[in-house]
Structures are given as structure tokens and as C-alpha cells.
Amino acid sequence: METSPDSDAAAGRSKEHLKAAADDFKTAASAKADEIRKAAEKKADELRAAAEARAHEFRGAAETAWSDARSKAKFWQSEGEAYVRENPAKAILMALGAGFLLGLFLRK
């Protein structure tokens, strides 16, 4: 069975048309992939910046809490030392009583 020159030309044009459509699709898909990649990078940068800001905020809060705790501990230590200097006998009796009670609780 022979093909006519018109049908060969039509087949050739169809192949070219399909190839052009495939190239257009490939170009469009590549452009869309680049667009999606850029959007993802932008979102990642935004999330990274937000996370860094929150981390900086939490670090500041933690440093403040640590500083407050240290100053309170130093205050309590100085108050305790002052109490022991003013009431040495009471302090010794209280320490002995606390040690005795602690010994009873840990013994059982």
C-alpha cells in the first residue's frame, strides 16, 4: 500500500506540530518549576528569618530569667549568712533538727 504525497506531507506536518507542542510544554513546565522553586526559596527565607527572630527573643528571655535567678540566689545567700552571724546558736540547732528529720525520712 502506497501513501500519497499529500498524506506524507500531512504526517510530516503533524509530527512537526507535535514536536512544537512538546517543546512548548517542556518550556512551560520548566518555567513553572523555576517559579515554584523561587517561591519555595522565598518562603524558606521568610521562615528562617521568623525562626531566627523567635530564637533571639527566647534567648533574651532566658538570659533575663538566668540573671534574675542568680541575683535572687546571691540575695538569699547573703541573707542566710547574715542570719547565721546574728543567731549562731539558733542556726546550729535548726541545722541539727533539719538533719535529724532528713535522716529519719531517708532511713525508711
C-alpha atoms as a PDB file:
ATOM      1  CA  MET A   1       0.000   0.000   0.000  1.00  0.00           C
ATOM      2  CA  GLU A   2       1.453   3.250  -1.089  1.00  0.00           C
ATOM      3  CA  THR A   3       0.989   6.555   0.641  1.00  0.00           C
ATOM      4  CA  SER A   4       0.148   9.642  -1.250  1.00  0.00           C
ATOM      5  CA  PRO A   5       2.405  12.663  -1.184  1.00  0.00           C
ATOM      6  CA  ASP A   6      -0.391  14.633   0.485  1.00  0.00           C
ATOM      7  CA  SER A   7      -0.665  12.126   3.318  1.00  0.00           C
ATOM      8  CA  ASP A   8       3.136  12.068   3.759  1.00  0.00           C
ATOM      9  CA  ALA A   9       3.165  15.856   3.955  1.00  0.00           C
ATOM     10  CA  ALA A  10       0.253  15.821   6.418  1.00  0.00           C
ATOM     11  CA  ALA A  11       2.059  13.274   8.570  1.00  0.00           C
ATOM     12  CA  GLY A  12       5.210  15.384   8.485  1.00  0.00           C
ATOM     13  CA  ARG A  13       3.280  18.485   9.484  1.00  0.00           C
ATOM     14  CA  SER A  14       1.598  16.525  12.291  1.00  0.00           C
ATOM     15  CA  LYS A  15       4.982  15.356  13.574  1.00  0.00           C
ATOM     16  CA  GLU A  16       6.329  18.890  13.488  1.00  0.00           C
ATOM     17  CA  HIS A  17       3.209  20.177  15.186  1.00  0.00           C
ATOM     18  CA  LEU A  18       3.518  17.520  17.916  1.00  0.00           C
ATOM     19  CA  LYS A  19       7.215  18.265  18.359  1.00  0.00           C
ATOM     20  CA  ALA A  20       6.497  22.007  18.649  1.00  0.00           C
ATOM     21  CA  ALA A  21       3.718  21.315  21.175  1.00  0.00           C
ATOM     22  CA  ALA A  22       6.059  19.087  23.189  1.00  0.00           C
ATOM     23  CA  ASP A  23       8.752  21.783  23.150  1.00  0.00           C
ATOM     24  CA  ASP A  24       6.206  24.393  24.250  1.00  0.00           C
ATOM     25  CA  PHE A  25       5.055  22.105  27.052  1.00  0.00           C
ATOM     26  CA  LYS A  26       8.649  21.465  28.121  1.00  0.00           C
ATOM     27  CA  THR A  27       9.378  25.217  28.165  1.00  0.00           C
ATOM     28  CA  ALA A  28       6.201  25.956  30.134  1.00  0.00           C
ATOM     29  CA  ALA A  29       6.914  23.166  32.632  1.00  0.00           C
ATOM     30  CA  SER A  30      10.473  24.388  33.114  1.00  0.00           C
ATOM     31  CA  ALA A  31       9.270  27.950  33.686  1.00  0.00           C
ATOM     32  CA  LYS A  32       6.647  26.730  36.179  1.00  0.00           C
ATOM     33  CA  ALA A  33       9.258  24.628  38.007  1.00  0.00           C
ATOM     34  CA  ASP A  34      11.524  27.693  38.276  1.00  0.00           C
ATOM     35  CA  GLU A  35       8.606  29.756  39.550  1.00  0.00           C
ATOM     36  CA  ILE A  36       7.767  27.132  42.188  1.00  0.00           C
ATOM     37  CA  ARG A  37      11.440  26.836  43.212  1.00  0.00           C
ATOM     38  CA  LYS A  38      11.742  30.608  43.633  1.00  0.00           C
ATOM     39  CA  ALA A  39       8.527  30.737  45.663  1.00  0.00           C
ATOM     40  CA  ALA A  40       9.767  27.905  47.877  1.00  0.00           C
ATOM     41  CA  GLU A  41      13.121  29.635  48.405  1.00  0.00           C
ATOM     42  CA  LYS A  42      11.356  32.872  49.306  1.00  0.00           C
ATOM     43  CA  LYS A  43       9.100  31.075  51.804  1.00  0.00           C
ATOM     44  CA  ALA A  44      12.091  29.254  53.293  1.00  0.00           C
ATOM     45  CA  ASP A  45      13.912  32.571  53.741  1.00  0.00           C
ATOM     46  CA  GLU A  46      10.834  34.070  55.422  1.00  0.00           C
ATOM     47  CA  LEU A  47      10.512  31.077  57.771  1.00  0.00           C
ATOM     48  CA  ARG A  48      14.233  31.180  58.562  1.00  0.00           C
ATOM     49  CA  ALA A  49      14.042  34.881  59.411  1.00  0.00           C
ATOM     50  CA  ALA A  50      10.988  34.321  61.613  1.00  0.00           C
ATOM     51  CA  ALA A  51      12.690  31.416  63.403  1.00  0.00           C
ATOM     52  CA  GLU A  52      15.839  33.466  63.992  1.00  0.00           C
ATOM     53  CA  ALA A  53      13.752  36.314  65.413  1.00  0.00           C
ATOM     54  CA  ARG A  54      11.935  33.941  67.770  1.00  0.00           C
ATOM     55  CA  ALA A  55      15.212  32.319  68.825  1.00  0.00           C
ATOM     56  CA  HIS A  56      16.684  35.749  69.575  1.00  0.00           C
ATOM     57  CA  GLU A  57      13.570  36.635  71.563  1.00  0.00           C
ATOM     58  CA  PHE A  58      13.716  33.394  73.589  1.00  0.00           C
ATOM     59  CA  ARG A  59      17.428  33.833  74.182  1.00  0.00           C
ATOM     60  CA  GLY A  60      16.829  37.300  75.597  1.00  0.00           C
ATOM     61  CA  ALA A  61      14.078  35.975  77.870  1.00  0.00           C
ATOM     62  CA  ALA A  62      16.296  33.102  79.050  1.00  0.00           C
ATOM     63  CA  GLU A  63      19.196  35.456  79.778  1.00  0.00           C
ATOM     64  CA  THR A  64      16.887  37.715  81.780  1.00  0.00           C
ATOM     65  CA  ALA A  65      15.477  34.780  83.754  1.00  0.00           C
ATOM     66  CA  TRP A  66      19.003  33.449  84.439  1.00  0.00           C
ATOM     67  CA  SER A  67      20.173  36.863  85.613  1.00  0.00           C
ATOM     68  CA  ASP A  68      17.158  37.232  87.910  1.00  0.00           C
ATOM     69  CA  ALA A  69      17.695  33.750  89.369  1.00  0.00           C
ATOM     70  CA  ARG A  70      21.374  34.443  90.028  1.00  0.00           C
ATOM     71  CA  SER A  71      20.639  37.742  91.767  1.00  0.00           C
ATOM     72  CA  LYS A  72      17.934  36.109  93.929  1.00  0.00           C
ATOM     73  CA  ALA A  73      20.293  33.268  94.867  1.00  0.00           C
ATOM     74  CA  LYS A  74      23.009  35.740  95.853  1.00  0.00           C
ATOM     75  CA  PHE A  75      20.475  37.730  97.897  1.00  0.00           C
ATOM     76  CA  TRP A  76      19.254  34.612  99.728  1.00  0.00           C
ATOM     77  CA  GLN A  77      22.835  33.536 100.374  1.00  0.00           C
ATOM     78  CA  SER A  78      23.756  36.903 101.886  1.00  0.00           C
ATOM     79  CA  GLU A  79      20.545  36.938 103.962  1.00  0.00           C
ATOM     80  CA  GLY A  80      21.296  33.427 105.229  1.00  0.00           C
ATOM     81  CA  GLU A  81      24.859  34.357 106.126  1.00  0.00           C
ATOM     82  CA  ALA A  82      23.628  37.462 107.964  1.00  0.00           C
ATOM     83  CA  TYR A  83      21.060  35.404 109.913  1.00  0.00           C
ATOM     84  CA  VAL A  84      23.697  32.835 110.939  1.00  0.00           C
ATOM     85  CA  ARG A  85      26.052  35.629 112.097  1.00  0.00           C
ATOM     86  CA  GLU A  86      23.277  37.225 114.169  1.00  0.00           C
ATOM     87  CA  ASN A  87      21.856  33.959 115.582  1.00  0.00           C
ATOM     88  CA  PRO A  88      24.595  31.310 115.612  1.00  0.00           C
ATOM     89  CA  ALA A  89      23.039  29.109 118.315  1.00  0.00           C
ATOM     90  CA  LYS A  90      19.632  29.127 116.631  1.00  0.00           C
ATOM     91  CA  ALA A  91      21.202  28.337 113.268  1.00  0.00           C
ATOM     92  CA  ILE A  92      23.105  25.354 114.679  1.00  0.00           C
ATOM     93  CA  LEU A  93      20.005  23.976 116.418  1.00  0.00           C
ATOM     94  CA  MET A  94      17.926  24.437 113.251  1.00  0.00           C
ATOM     95  CA  ALA A  95      20.582  22.664 111.171  1.00  0.00           C
ATOM     96  CA  LEU A  96      20.720  19.776 113.638  1.00  0.00           C
ATOM     97  CA  GLY A  97      16.906  19.490 113.639  1.00  0.00           C
ATOM     98  CA  ALA A  98      16.724  19.575 109.847  1.00  0.00           C
ATOM     99  CA  GLY A  99      19.477  16.960 109.597  1.00  0.00           C
ATOM    100  CA  PHE A 100      17.710  14.724 112.133  1.00  0.00           C
ATOM    101  CA  LEU A 101      14.394  14.949 110.245  1.00  0.00           C
ATOM    102  CA  LEU A 102      16.089  14.356 106.913  1.00  0.00           C
ATOM    103  CA  GLY A 103      17.839  11.330 108.380  1.00  0.00           C
ATOM    104  CA  LEU A 104      14.512   9.917 109.577  1.00  0.00           C
ATOM    105  CA  PHE A 105      12.879  10.374 106.187  1.00  0.00           C
ATOM    106  CA  LEU A 106      15.768   8.861 104.253  1.00  0.00           C
ATOM    107  CA  ARG A 107      16.120   5.944 106.625  1.00  0.00           C
ATOM    108  CA  LYS A 108      12.746   4.406 105.785  1.00  0.00           C
END
